[in-house]
Amino acid sequence: MNIVVAVTAASGSIYARLLVETLAASGDVGRIALIYSENARAVAEHEGVAMPADAKIVEYSNSDLFASPASGSAAWDAMVVVPSSVGTVGRVANGVSQTLIERAADVMLKERHRLVFVVRETPYSLVHLRNMVALTEAGAIIVPASPSFYSKPATVEELCRTVVERAVALLGVKAEHYEWGKER
């Protein structure tokens, strides 16, 4: 599989790092298109998060609307926006494609490919909820960045990994993950 990973300026850069690490380690993943929104790097730096380097990763500028993730004829199988700001959710839900992230998400919707938004905002306003409903109706999957506690995570990273594991599974990528009633 070839996966587009979009990182927006919402807090929670650790989710993006863990997700990219998991995808890069998966034999199911051939290429990873990595796209940062305008302020995503500054947020990641502020949070002390550095993205991994891997030969599978190809980085694209968010202003490059000629990049392959902007085209439905390119071979990208799925996309995840992690963490996703509610601004990105709103623009995509309303068909506003002014950046590569927004256009790539629009392409995933129109081509009926998997599109996952790991939304990092709380609380949600009615506008946020309506935009998430619109995306869900269009075929996207909303994954609130709400960690689970079933696996008894001992660290913040393990806690965040519970969200990442769900997002990776929803992309259709096989990777190790917690299963209720099974020990790792």
C-alpha atoms as a PDB file:
ATOM      1  CA  MET A   1       0.000   0.000   0.000  1.00  0.00           C
ATOM      2  CA  ASN A   2       0.993   3.604  -0.583  1.00  0.00           C
ATOM      3  CA  ILE A   3      -0.191   5.962   2.146  1.00  0.00           C
ATOM      4  CA  VAL A   4      -0.464   9.752   2.308  1.00  0.00           C
ATOM      5  CA  VAL A   5       0.217  11.144   5.797  1.00  0.00           C
ATOM      6  CA  ALA A   6      -0.773  14.759   6.406  1.00  0.00           C
ATOM      7  CA  VAL A   7       0.352  16.491   9.585  1.00  0.00           C
ATOM      8  CA  THR A   8      -1.516  19.647  10.561  1.00  0.00           C
ATOM      9  CA  ALA A   9      -0.773  22.173  13.281  1.00  0.00           C
ATOM     10  CA  ALA A  10      -3.100  20.660  15.867  1.00  0.00           C
ATOM     11  CA  SER A  11      -1.430  19.663  19.105  1.00  0.00           C
ATOM     12  CA  GLY A  12      -0.461  15.986  19.250  1.00  0.00           C
ATOM     13  CA  SER A  13       2.550  15.631  16.954  1.00  0.00           C
ATOM     14  CA  ILE A  14       3.418  12.440  18.825  1.00  0.00           C
ATOM     15  CA  TYR A  15       0.496  10.773  17.038  1.00  0.00           C
ATOM     16  CA  ALA A  16       2.060  11.605  13.661  1.00  0.00           C
ATOM     17  CA  ARG A  17       5.498  10.343  14.686  1.00  0.00           C
ATOM     18  CA  LEU A  18       4.158   7.054  16.034  1.00  0.00           C
ATOM     19  CA  LEU A  19       1.971   6.558  12.970  1.00  0.00           C
ATOM     20  CA  VAL A  20       4.799   7.199  10.501  1.00  0.00           C
ATOM     21  CA  GLU A  21       7.092   4.858  12.468  1.00  0.00           C
ATOM     22  CA  THR A  22       4.431   2.135  12.374  1.00  0.00           C
ATOM     23  CA  LEU A  23       3.781   2.562   8.642  1.00  0.00           C
ATOM     24  CA  ALA A  24       7.502   2.622   7.813  1.00  0.00           C
ATOM     25  CA  ALA A  25       8.015  -0.627   9.737  1.00  0.00           C
ATOM     26  CA  SER A  26       5.134  -2.380   7.976  1.00  0.00           C
ATOM     27  CA  GLY A  27       5.835  -4.712   5.090  1.00  0.00           C
ATOM     28  CA  ASP A  28       2.380  -3.772   3.763  1.00  0.00           C
ATOM     29  CA  VAL A  29       3.509  -0.193   3.075  1.00  0.00           C
ATOM     30  CA  GLY A  30       5.605   0.634   0.021  1.00  0.00           C
ATOM     31  CA  ARG A  31       5.605   4.446   0.033  1.00  0.00           C
ATOM     32  CA  ILE A  32       4.622   7.178   2.448  1.00  0.00           C
ATOM     33  CA  ALA A  33       3.834  10.677   1.173  1.00  0.00           C
ATOM     34  CA  LEU A  34       4.448  13.073   4.059  1.00  0.00           C
ATOM     35  CA  ILE A  35       2.868  16.524   3.927  1.00  0.00           C
ATOM     36  CA  TYR A  36       3.092  19.172   6.656  1.00  0.00           C
ATOM     37  CA  SER A  37       0.689  22.088   6.952  1.00  0.00           C
ATOM     38  CA  GLU A  38       2.181  25.560   7.241  1.00  0.00           C
ATOM     39  CA  ASN A  39       2.558  25.492  11.043  1.00  0.00           C
ATOM     40  CA  ALA A  40       2.797  21.743  11.733  1.00  0.00           C
ATOM     41  CA  ARG A  41       6.601  21.731  12.026  1.00  0.00           C
ATOM     42  CA  ALA A  42       6.538  24.594  14.535  1.00  0.00           C
ATOM     43  CA  VAL A  43       4.001  22.728  16.672  1.00  0.00           C
ATOM     44  CA  ALA A  44       6.054  19.509  16.485  1.00  0.00           C
ATOM     45  CA  GLU A  45       9.196  21.398  17.463  1.00  0.00           C
ATOM     46  CA  HIS A  46       7.380  23.059  20.361  1.00  0.00           C
ATOM     47  CA  GLU A  47       6.174  19.636  21.519  1.00  0.00           C
ATOM     48  CA  GLY A  48       9.676  18.146  21.161  1.00  0.00           C
ATOM     49  CA  VAL A  49       8.674  15.692  18.446  1.00  0.00           C
ATOM     50  CA  ALA A  50      10.925  14.760  15.513  1.00  0.00           C
ATOM     51  CA  MET A  51       9.649  12.676  12.630  1.00  0.00           C
ATOM     52  CA  PRO A  52      11.575   9.531  11.707  1.00  0.00           C
ATOM     53  CA  ALA A  53      13.703   9.289   8.595  1.00  0.00           C
ATOM     54  CA  ASP A  54      13.044   6.313   6.336  1.00  0.00           C
ATOM     55  CA  ALA A  55      13.614   5.447   2.678  1.00  0.00           C
ATOM     56  CA  LYS A  56       9.854   4.873   2.234  1.00  0.00           C
ATOM     57  CA  ILE A  57       9.078   8.515   3.070  1.00  0.00           C
ATOM     58  CA  VAL A  58       8.794  11.123   0.331  1.00  0.00           C
ATOM     59  CA  GLU A  59       8.035  14.609   1.587  1.00  0.00           C
ATOM     60  CA  TYR A  60       5.874  16.988  -0.438  1.00  0.00           C
ATOM     61  CA  SER A  61       5.344  20.701   0.050  1.00  0.00           C
ATOM     62  CA  ASN A  62       1.812  21.602   1.077  1.00  0.00           C
ATOM     63  CA  SER A  63       1.851  24.336  -1.566  1.00  0.00           C
ATOM     64  CA  ASP A  64       2.720  21.899  -4.401  1.00  0.00           C
ATOM     65  CA  LEU A  65      -0.589  21.169  -6.085  1.00  0.00           C
ATOM     66  CA  PHE A  66       1.305  19.387  -8.880  1.00  0.00           C
ATOM     67  CA  ALA A  67       2.556  16.688  -6.469  1.00  0.00           C
ATOM     68  CA  SER A  68       1.265  13.169  -7.104  1.00  0.00           C
ATOM     69  CA  PRO A  69      -1.114  13.046  -4.074  1.00  0.00           C
ATOM     70  CA  ALA A  70      -3.116  15.822  -5.800  1.00  0.00           C
ATOM     71  CA  SER A  71      -4.105  13.494  -8.644  1.00  0.00           C
ATOM     72  CA  GLY A  72      -6.650  10.718  -8.728  1.00  0.00           C
ATOM     73  CA  SER A  73      -4.511   8.960 -11.335  1.00  0.00           C
ATOM     74  CA  ALA A  74      -1.602   8.596  -8.888  1.00  0.00           C
ATOM     75  CA  ALA A  75      -1.148   5.338  -6.991  1.00  0.00           C
ATOM     76  CA  TRP A  76      -2.014   6.409  -3.424  1.00  0.00           C
ATOM     77  CA  ASP A  77      -4.245   3.911  -1.647  1.00  0.00           C
ATOM     78  CA  ALA A  78      -5.217   5.701   1.552  1.00  0.00           C
ATOM     79  CA  MET A  79      -4.655   8.881   3.539  1.00  0.00           C
ATOM     80  CA  VAL A  80      -4.543   9.845   7.184  1.00  0.00           C
ATOM     81  CA  VAL A  81      -4.549  13.375   8.605  1.00  0.00           C
ATOM     82  CA  VAL A  82      -2.813  13.127  11.973  1.00  0.00           C
ATOM     83  CA  PRO A  83      -3.216  15.151  14.063  1.00  0.00           C
ATOM     84  CA  SER A  84      -6.017  16.876  12.244  1.00  0.00           C
ATOM     85  CA  SER A  85      -7.058  20.383  13.097  1.00  0.00           C
ATOM     86  CA  VAL A  86     -10.763  21.165  12.945  1.00  0.00           C
ATOM     87  CA  GLY A  87      -9.877  23.836  10.379  1.00  0.00           C
ATOM     88  CA  THR A  88      -8.617  21.121   8.031  1.00  0.00           C
ATOM     89  CA  VAL A  89     -11.729  19.054   8.750  1.00  0.00           C
ATOM     90  CA  GLY A  90     -13.917  22.056   7.892  1.00  0.00           C
ATOM     91  CA  ARG A  91     -12.142  22.925   4.660  1.00  0.00           C
ATOM     92  CA  VAL A  92     -12.196  19.338   3.364  1.00  0.00           C
ATOM     93  CA  ALA A  93     -15.820  18.832   4.471  1.00  0.00           C
ATOM     94  CA  ASN A  94     -16.784  21.888   2.439  1.00  0.00           C
ATOM     95  CA  GLY A  95     -14.745  21.083  -0.673  1.00  0.00           C
ATOM     96  CA  VAL A  96     -12.139  23.815  -0.184  1.00  0.00           C
ATOM     97  CA  SER A  97      -8.885  22.521  -1.682  1.00  0.00           C
ATOM     98  CA  GLN A  98      -6.308  25.306  -1.541  1.00  0.00           C
ATOM     99  CA  THR A  99      -3.388  23.192  -0.271  1.00  0.00           C
ATOM    100  CA  LEU A 100      -1.971  19.773  -1.110  1.00  0.00           C
ATOM    101  CA  ILE A 101      -3.368  18.325   2.133  1.00  0.00           C
ATOM    102  CA  GLU A 102      -6.875  19.516   1.271  1.00  0.00           C
ATOM    103  CA  ARG A 103      -6.612  18.429  -2.378  1.00  0.00           C
ATOM    104  CA  ALA A 104      -5.197  14.990  -1.491  1.00  0.00           C
ATOM    105  CA  ALA A 105      -8.074  14.465   0.958  1.00  0.00           C
ATOM    106  CA  ASP A 106     -10.543  15.568  -1.717  1.00  0.00           C
ATOM    107  CA  VAL A 107      -8.964  13.049  -4.114  1.00  0.00           C
ATOM    108  CA  MET A 108      -9.350  10.253  -1.564  1.00  0.00           C
ATOM    109  CA  LEU A 109     -13.044  11.084  -1.200  1.00  0.00           C
ATOM    110  CA  LYS A 110     -13.751  11.303  -4.914  1.00  0.00           C
ATOM    111  CA  GLU A 111     -11.814   8.107  -5.678  1.00  0.00           C
ATOM    112  CA  ARG A 112     -13.503   6.292  -2.762  1.00  0.00           C
ATOM    113  CA  HIS A 113     -10.196   5.494  -1.049  1.00  0.00           C
ATOM    114  CA  ARG A 114      -9.758   5.278   2.705  1.00  0.00           C
ATOM    115  CA  LEU A 115      -9.466   8.645   4.393  1.00  0.00           C
ATOM    116  CA  VAL A 116      -8.923   8.870   8.152  1.00  0.00           C
ATOM    117  CA  PHE A 117      -8.924  12.058  10.235  1.00  0.00           C
ATOM    118  CA  VAL A 118      -7.360  11.783  13.706  1.00  0.00           C
ATOM    119  CA  VAL A 119      -9.043  14.881  15.099  1.00  0.00           C
ATOM    120  CA  ARG A 120      -7.245  16.575  17.994  1.00  0.00           C
ATOM    121  CA  GLU A 121      -9.618  19.126  19.472  1.00  0.00           C
ATOM    122  CA  THR A 122     -11.737  19.399  22.575  1.00  0.00           C
ATOM    123  CA  PRO A 123     -14.477  20.295  23.128  1.00  0.00           C
ATOM    124  CA  TYR A 124     -16.166  20.132  19.730  1.00  0.00           C
ATOM    125  CA  SER A 125     -18.467  22.936  18.664  1.00  0.00           C
ATOM    126  CA  LEU A 126     -21.616  22.258  16.672  1.00  0.00           C
ATOM    127  CA  VAL A 127     -19.768  23.479  13.564  1.00  0.00           C
ATOM    128  CA  HIS A 128     -16.978  20.923  14.190  1.00  0.00           C
ATOM    129  CA  LEU A 129     -19.494  18.124  14.679  1.00  0.00           C
ATOM    130  CA  ARG A 130     -21.425  19.015  11.524  1.00  0.00           C
ATOM    131  CA  ASN A 131     -18.208  19.073   9.500  1.00  0.00           C
ATOM    132  CA  MET A 132     -17.255  15.647  10.876  1.00  0.00           C
ATOM    133  CA  VAL A 133     -20.722  14.337   9.981  1.00  0.00           C
ATOM    134  CA  ALA A 134     -20.306  15.703   6.442  1.00  0.00           C
ATOM    135  CA  LEU A 135     -16.953  13.935   6.095  1.00  0.00           C
ATOM    136  CA  THR A 136     -18.395  10.699   7.460  1.00  0.00           C
ATOM    137  CA  GLU A 137     -21.292  10.910   5.007  1.00  0.00           C
ATOM    138  CA  ALA A 138     -18.752  11.436   2.203  1.00  0.00           C
ATOM    139  CA  GLY A 139     -16.884   8.279   3.218  1.00  0.00           C
ATOM    140  CA  ALA A 140     -14.153   9.475   5.569  1.00  0.00           C
ATOM    141  CA  ILE A 141     -13.523   7.982   8.992  1.00  0.00           C
ATOM    142  CA  ILE A 142     -13.234  10.223  12.046  1.00  0.00           C
ATOM    143  CA  VAL A 143     -10.943   8.971  14.814  1.00  0.00           C
ATOM    144  CA  PRO A 144     -10.969  11.312  17.789  1.00  0.00           C
ATOM    145  CA  ALA A 145      -7.540  11.372  19.424  1.00  0.00           C
ATOM    146  CA  SER A 146      -9.082   9.722  22.484  1.00  0.00           C
ATOM    147  CA  PRO A 147      -6.763   7.047  23.848  1.00  0.00           C
ATOM    148  CA  SER A 148      -8.026   3.812  25.363  1.00  0.00           C
ATOM    149  CA  PHE A 149      -6.960   2.258  28.629  1.00  0.00           C
ATOM    150  CA  TYR A 150      -7.772  -1.441  28.062  1.00  0.00           C
ATOM    151  CA  SER A 151      -4.125  -2.284  27.399  1.00  0.00           C
ATOM    152  CA  LYS A 152      -3.057  -0.590  30.649  1.00  0.00           C
ATOM    153  CA  PRO A 153      -0.562   1.818  29.049  1.00  0.00           C
ATOM    154  CA  ALA A 154       2.286   2.764  31.364  1.00  0.00           C
ATOM    155  CA  THR A 155       3.654   5.775  29.451  1.00  0.00           C
ATOM    156  CA  VAL A 156       2.288   8.677  27.456  1.00  0.00           C
ATOM    157  CA  GLU A 157       3.740   7.091  24.315  1.00  0.00           C
ATOM    158  CA  GLU A 158       1.937   3.804  25.002  1.00  0.00           C
ATOM    159  CA  LEU A 159      -1.275   5.756  25.612  1.00  0.00           C
ATOM    160  CA  CYS A 160      -0.917   7.629  22.312  1.00  0.00           C
ATOM    161  CA  ARG A 161      -0.107   4.380  20.534  1.00  0.00           C
ATOM    162  CA  THR A 162      -3.661   3.156  21.303  1.00  0.00           C
ATOM    163  CA  VAL A 163      -5.019   5.857  18.976  1.00  0.00           C
ATOM    164  CA  VAL A 164      -2.353   5.238  16.338  1.00  0.00           C
ATOM    165  CA  GLU A 165      -3.053   1.495  16.291  1.00  0.00           C
ATOM    166  CA  ARG A 166      -6.728   2.178  15.553  1.00  0.00           C
ATOM    167  CA  ALA A 167      -5.875   4.625  12.769  1.00  0.00           C
ATOM    168  CA  VAL A 168      -3.391   2.217  11.171  1.00  0.00           C
ATOM    169  CA  ALA A 169      -5.947  -0.617  11.282  1.00  0.00           C
ATOM    170  CA  LEU A 170      -8.568   1.641   9.691  1.00  0.00           C
ATOM    171  CA  LEU A 171      -6.139   2.423   6.860  1.00  0.00           C
ATOM    172  CA  GLY A 172      -6.082  -1.309   6.122  1.00  0.00           C
ATOM    173  CA  VAL A 173      -2.446  -1.789   7.117  1.00  0.00           C
ATOM    174  CA  LYS A 174      -1.515  -4.895   9.062  1.00  0.00           C
ATOM    175  CA  ALA A 175       0.532  -4.031  12.135  1.00  0.00           C
ATOM    176  CA  GLU A 176       0.837  -5.222  15.704  1.00  0.00           C
ATOM    177  CA  HIS A 177      -1.974  -3.845  17.848  1.00  0.00           C
ATOM    178  CA  TYR A 178      -3.846  -4.464  21.066  1.00  0.00           C
ATOM    179  CA  GLU A 179      -6.732  -6.890  20.838  1.00  0.00           C
ATOM    180  CA  TRP A 180      -9.207  -7.259  23.654  1.00  0.00           C
ATOM    181  CA  GLY A 181      -8.582 -10.512  25.512  1.00  0.00           C
ATOM    182  CA  LYS A 182      -5.207 -11.199  23.866  1.00  0.00           C
ATOM    183  CA  GLU A 183      -1.812 -10.537  25.393  1.00  0.00           C
ATOM    184  CA  ARG A 184       1.034  -9.151  23.295  1.00  0.00           C
END
